[in-house]
């Protein structure tokens, strides 16, 4: 089992186009998985599928099989003009904004009681290494939930309510699972759809955005 594990939600085509077939194929968490050489490292990749539950299950499976670092690259929606302009980003912290127990415990929306705040953080050292390898990246906070957000008004509301730069569907599941296992994680994202872009822009840019995010992750791995 590789020391590095990677969650790929819906961007597996980028992996195949860049690296071809896996060195070794198998299944984890009931999903397609395999070992790939990326940036001089052997990386175990699970094609998890979309969503927090699938991403969390794949993350735990990788950790149970020996992964000591969890990586994720992928496409996201922009919530702010800054994220829309810079596009390429590394995630600092995440809020799982549709996790809500407030009616029973008055806890803030998005907060797990085991945590001191609503934020689930990524690893400081991995994030610093990524920025050292690719300083063009923007550091962002992420709103994560099992929802594809296309409506511009909903994106602006997310930005205003949760003070996040991007939105997507897997980061909370990955980061929370890593936190509970004391395993570091690194999340590199590329904006596929701007505030006004919605699904049409997502489909138009998905392939190139996926490929760019993976290329950057490879550069980061070379420097780890």
Protein backbone atom coordinates (compact mmCIF):
# COMPACT_ATOMS: atom_id res chain seq x y z
CA UNK A 1 0.00 0.00 0.00
CA UNK A 2 1.33 3.46 -0.91
CA UNK A 3 2.08 6.01 1.82
CA UNK A 4 0.13 8.57 -0.24
CA UNK A 5 -3.59 8.14 -0.81
CA UNK A 6 -5.67 10.27 -3.19
CA UNK A 7 -9.41 10.78 -3.44
CA UNK A 8 -10.70 11.43 -6.95
CA UNK A 9 -14.42 12.17 -7.02
CA UNK A 10 -15.42 12.76 -10.65
CA UNK A 11 -12.12 13.74 -12.29
CA UNK A 12 -10.73 10.26 -13.01
CA UNK A 13 -10.47 10.95 -16.75
CA UNK A 14 -7.70 13.45 -16.01
CA UNK A 15 -5.74 10.73 -14.19
CA UNK A 16 -6.11 8.24 -17.04
CA UNK A 17 -5.21 10.80 -19.70
CA UNK A 18 -2.07 11.86 -17.85
CA UNK A 19 -0.82 8.54 -16.45
CA UNK A 20 -2.54 5.77 -18.38
CA UNK A 21 -3.49 2.53 -16.66
CA UNK A 22 -2.76 1.91 -13.00
CA UNK A 23 0.41 0.05 -12.06
CA UNK A 24 -1.83 -2.15 -9.93
CA UNK A 25 -5.62 -2.20 -9.84
CA UNK A 26 -7.89 -3.23 -6.95
CA UNK A 27 -11.00 -2.04 -5.10
CA UNK A 28 -11.36 -0.02 -1.90
CA UNK A 29 -14.62 1.02 -0.20
CA UNK A 30 -16.37 -0.82 -3.03
CA UNK A 31 -14.88 1.51 -5.62
CA UNK A 32 -12.26 1.35 -8.39
CA UNK A 33 -8.75 1.95 -7.04
CA UNK A 34 -5.16 1.62 -8.17
CA UNK A 35 -1.54 2.63 -7.69
CA UNK A 36 -0.01 5.33 -9.89
CA UNK A 37 3.40 7.00 -10.14
CA UNK A 38 2.83 10.73 -9.65
CA UNK A 39 5.68 13.18 -9.10
CA UNK A 40 8.07 10.36 -8.25
CA UNK A 41 5.75 8.96 -5.57
CA UNK A 42 3.54 5.90 -5.56
CA UNK A 43 0.02 7.13 -4.92
CA UNK A 44 -2.98 4.93 -4.20
CA UNK A 45 -6.01 6.50 -5.89
CA UNK A 46 -9.66 5.74 -5.13
CA UNK A 47 -12.28 6.86 -7.64
CA UNK A 48 -14.80 7.62 -4.91
CA UNK A 49 -17.62 9.23 -6.85
CA UNK A 50 -19.28 12.49 -5.86
CA UNK A 51 -20.35 13.55 -2.38
CA UNK A 52 -19.28 13.70 1.25
CA UNK A 53 -20.29 10.14 2.22
CA UNK A 54 -18.45 8.56 -0.71
CA UNK A 55 -15.37 10.71 -0.09
CA UNK A 56 -15.32 9.92 3.63
CA UNK A 57 -15.64 6.19 3.00
CA UNK A 58 -12.82 6.25 0.45
CA UNK A 59 -10.62 8.28 2.78
CA UNK A 60 -11.12 5.86 5.65
CA UNK A 61 -10.41 2.91 3.36
CA UNK A 62 -7.12 4.45 2.25
CA UNK A 63 -6.11 5.17 5.84
CA UNK A 64 -7.04 1.64 6.97
CA UNK A 65 -4.82 0.31 4.18
CA UNK A 66 -1.79 2.30 5.29
CA UNK A 67 -1.97 5.75 3.70
CA UNK A 68 -0.15 8.30 5.85
CA UNK A 69 -1.03 11.35 3.75
CA UNK A 70 -4.35 12.00 2.00
CA UNK A 71 -4.48 14.12 -1.15
CA UNK A 72 -7.37 15.43 -3.21
CA UNK A 73 -7.52 17.46 -6.39
CA UNK A 74 -10.68 18.57 -8.14
CA UNK A 75 -12.95 21.21 -9.57
CA UNK A 76 -14.98 23.72 -7.57
CA UNK A 77 -17.35 26.62 -7.93
CA UNK A 78 -16.25 30.17 -7.15
CA UNK A 79 -18.13 32.15 -4.51
CA UNK A 80 -16.10 35.37 -4.68
CA UNK A 81 -14.62 37.52 -7.46
CA UNK A 82 -11.13 36.76 -6.12
CA UNK A 83 -11.59 33.01 -6.44
CA UNK A 84 -13.18 33.49 -9.85
CA UNK A 85 -10.13 35.45 -11.04
CA UNK A 86 -7.30 33.39 -9.54
CA UNK A 87 -8.99 30.00 -10.21
CA UNK A 88 -6.19 27.80 -8.82
CA UNK A 89 -6.33 27.32 -5.06
CA UNK A 90 -5.23 25.32 -2.03
CA UNK A 91 -7.83 24.80 0.69
CA UNK A 92 -7.08 26.20 4.14
CA UNK A 93 -10.20 25.16 6.02
CA UNK A 94 -13.68 23.82 5.33
CA UNK A 95 -17.18 24.24 6.71
CA UNK A 96 -19.69 21.42 6.20
CA UNK A 97 -22.52 23.90 5.81
CA UNK A 98 -25.43 21.48 5.56
CA UNK A 99 -24.45 19.75 8.80
CA UNK A 100 -26.94 21.26 11.25
CA UNK A 101 -27.91 20.07 14.73
CA UNK A 102 -28.89 23.54 15.96
CA UNK A 103 -32.53 22.70 16.74
CA UNK A 104 -31.49 20.22 19.41
CA UNK A 105 -28.27 21.73 20.82
CA UNK A 106 -28.11 25.37 19.66
CA UNK A 107 -24.78 24.56 18.03
CA UNK A 108 -23.68 26.76 15.13
CA UNK A 109 -24.59 25.48 11.68
CA UNK A 110 -21.70 23.41 10.32
CA UNK A 111 -20.07 22.72 13.68
CA UNK A 112 -19.25 19.23 14.92
CA UNK A 113 -19.35 19.26 18.73
CA UNK A 114 -15.90 17.66 18.96
CA UNK A 115 -14.39 20.71 17.24
CA UNK A 116 -13.84 24.17 18.74
CA UNK A 117 -15.47 25.96 15.79
CA UNK A 118 -17.27 25.32 12.51
CA UNK A 119 -13.98 25.02 10.66
CA UNK A 120 -12.25 21.77 9.69
CA UNK A 121 -8.63 22.58 8.86
CA UNK A 122 -6.21 21.00 6.42
CA UNK A 123 -2.58 20.35 7.34
CA UNK A 124 -0.42 23.47 7.78
CA UNK A 125 2.82 21.80 6.69
CA UNK A 126 1.36 20.24 3.54
CA UNK A 127 -0.31 23.50 2.60
CA UNK A 128 2.97 25.39 3.08
CA UNK A 129 4.80 22.81 0.96
CA UNK A 130 2.19 23.19 -1.78
CA UNK A 131 2.52 26.97 -1.79
CA UNK A 132 6.31 26.70 -1.85
CA UNK A 133 6.08 24.44 -4.90
CA UNK A 134 3.38 26.49 -6.62
CA UNK A 135 3.17 30.01 -5.12
CA UNK A 136 0.65 31.15 -7.75
CA UNK A 137 -2.09 29.36 -5.83
CA UNK A 138 -4.66 31.26 -3.82
CA UNK A 139 -5.37 30.07 -0.26
CA UNK A 140 -9.12 29.65 0.26
CA UNK A 141 -11.82 28.62 2.68
CA UNK A 142 -14.31 26.09 1.32
CA UNK A 143 -18.05 25.61 1.78
CA UNK A 144 -18.66 21.88 1.33
CA UNK A 145 -21.93 19.93 1.19
CA UNK A 146 -23.78 17.36 -0.90
CA UNK A 147 -25.11 20.05 -3.22
CA UNK A 148 -24.04 21.29 -6.65
CA UNK A 149 -24.56 25.05 -6.48
CA UNK A 150 -25.18 26.68 -9.85
CA UNK A 151 -27.48 29.57 -8.96
CA UNK A 152 -25.53 32.86 -8.67
CA UNK A 153 -27.71 34.15 -5.83
CA UNK A 154 -27.12 30.97 -3.83
CA UNK A 155 -23.37 31.31 -4.39
CA UNK A 156 -23.39 34.90 -3.13
CA UNK A 157 -25.45 33.87 -0.11
CA UNK A 158 -22.97 31.10 0.72
CA UNK A 159 -20.10 33.57 0.53
CA UNK A 160 -21.90 36.06 2.74
CA UNK A 161 -23.19 33.59 5.33
CA UNK A 162 -20.15 31.35 5.71
CA UNK A 163 -17.31 33.63 4.52
CA UNK A 164 -15.99 31.10 2.03
CA UNK A 165 -14.29 31.49 -1.35
CA UNK A 166 -15.28 28.24 -3.08
CA UNK A 167 -17.93 25.51 -2.87
CA UNK A 168 -17.82 21.79 -3.66
CA UNK A 169 -19.01 18.37 -2.49
CA UNK A 170 -16.19 16.28 -0.95
CA UNK A 171 -13.74 18.31 1.14
CA UNK A 172 -15.60 18.12 4.46
CA UNK A 173 -15.83 14.33 4.28
CA UNK A 174 -12.13 14.03 3.48
CA UNK A 175 -10.86 16.55 6.03
CA UNK A 176 -13.06 15.37 8.92
CA UNK A 177 -12.08 11.74 8.36
CA UNK A 178 -8.40 12.70 8.28
CA UNK A 179 -8.77 14.78 11.44
CA UNK A 180 -10.39 11.91 13.31
CA UNK A 181 -7.53 9.61 12.27
CA UNK A 182 -4.76 12.17 12.90
CA UNK A 183 -3.74 11.97 9.24
CA UNK A 184 -2.68 15.09 7.29
CA UNK A 185 -4.54 16.08 4.14
CA UNK A 186 -3.93 18.44 1.24
CA UNK A 187 -6.69 19.69 -1.08
CA UNK A 188 -5.83 21.44 -4.36
CA UNK A 189 -8.73 22.80 -6.38
CA UNK A 190 -9.35 24.54 -9.69
CA UNK A 191 -12.40 26.74 -10.26
CA UNK A 192 -14.49 25.33 -13.11
CA UNK A 193 -17.50 27.63 -12.78
CA UNK A 194 -17.58 31.25 -11.71
CA UNK A 195 -20.31 33.00 -9.76
CA UNK A 196 -22.49 33.46 -12.84
CA UNK A 197 -21.26 30.42 -14.78
CA UNK A 198 -23.34 27.60 -13.36
CA UNK A 199 -23.65 24.16 -14.92
CA UNK A 200 -23.00 25.39 -18.47
CA UNK A 201 -19.57 26.77 -17.59
CA UNK A 202 -18.85 23.73 -15.42
CA UNK A 203 -19.34 21.34 -18.34
CA UNK A 204 -17.40 23.60 -20.72
CA UNK A 205 -14.32 23.85 -18.46
CA UNK A 206 -14.44 20.62 -16.43
CA UNK A 207 -11.85 18.71 -18.43
CA UNK A 208 -9.21 21.44 -18.59
CA UNK A 209 -9.79 22.48 -14.97
CA UNK A 210 -9.38 18.88 -13.79
CA UNK A 211 -6.18 18.45 -15.78
CA UNK A 212 -4.71 21.67 -14.40
CA UNK A 213 -5.45 20.76 -10.79
CA UNK A 214 -3.84 17.34 -11.27
CA UNK A 215 -0.78 18.86 -12.95
CA UNK A 216 -0.29 21.16 -9.97
CA UNK A 217 -0.68 18.26 -7.54
CA UNK A 218 2.05 16.44 -9.43
CA UNK A 219 4.39 19.43 -9.08
CA UNK A 220 3.66 19.53 -5.36
CA UNK A 221 4.37 15.80 -4.97
CA UNK A 222 7.72 16.25 -6.70
CA UNK A 223 8.71 18.63 -3.92
CA UNK A 224 7.50 16.55 -0.98
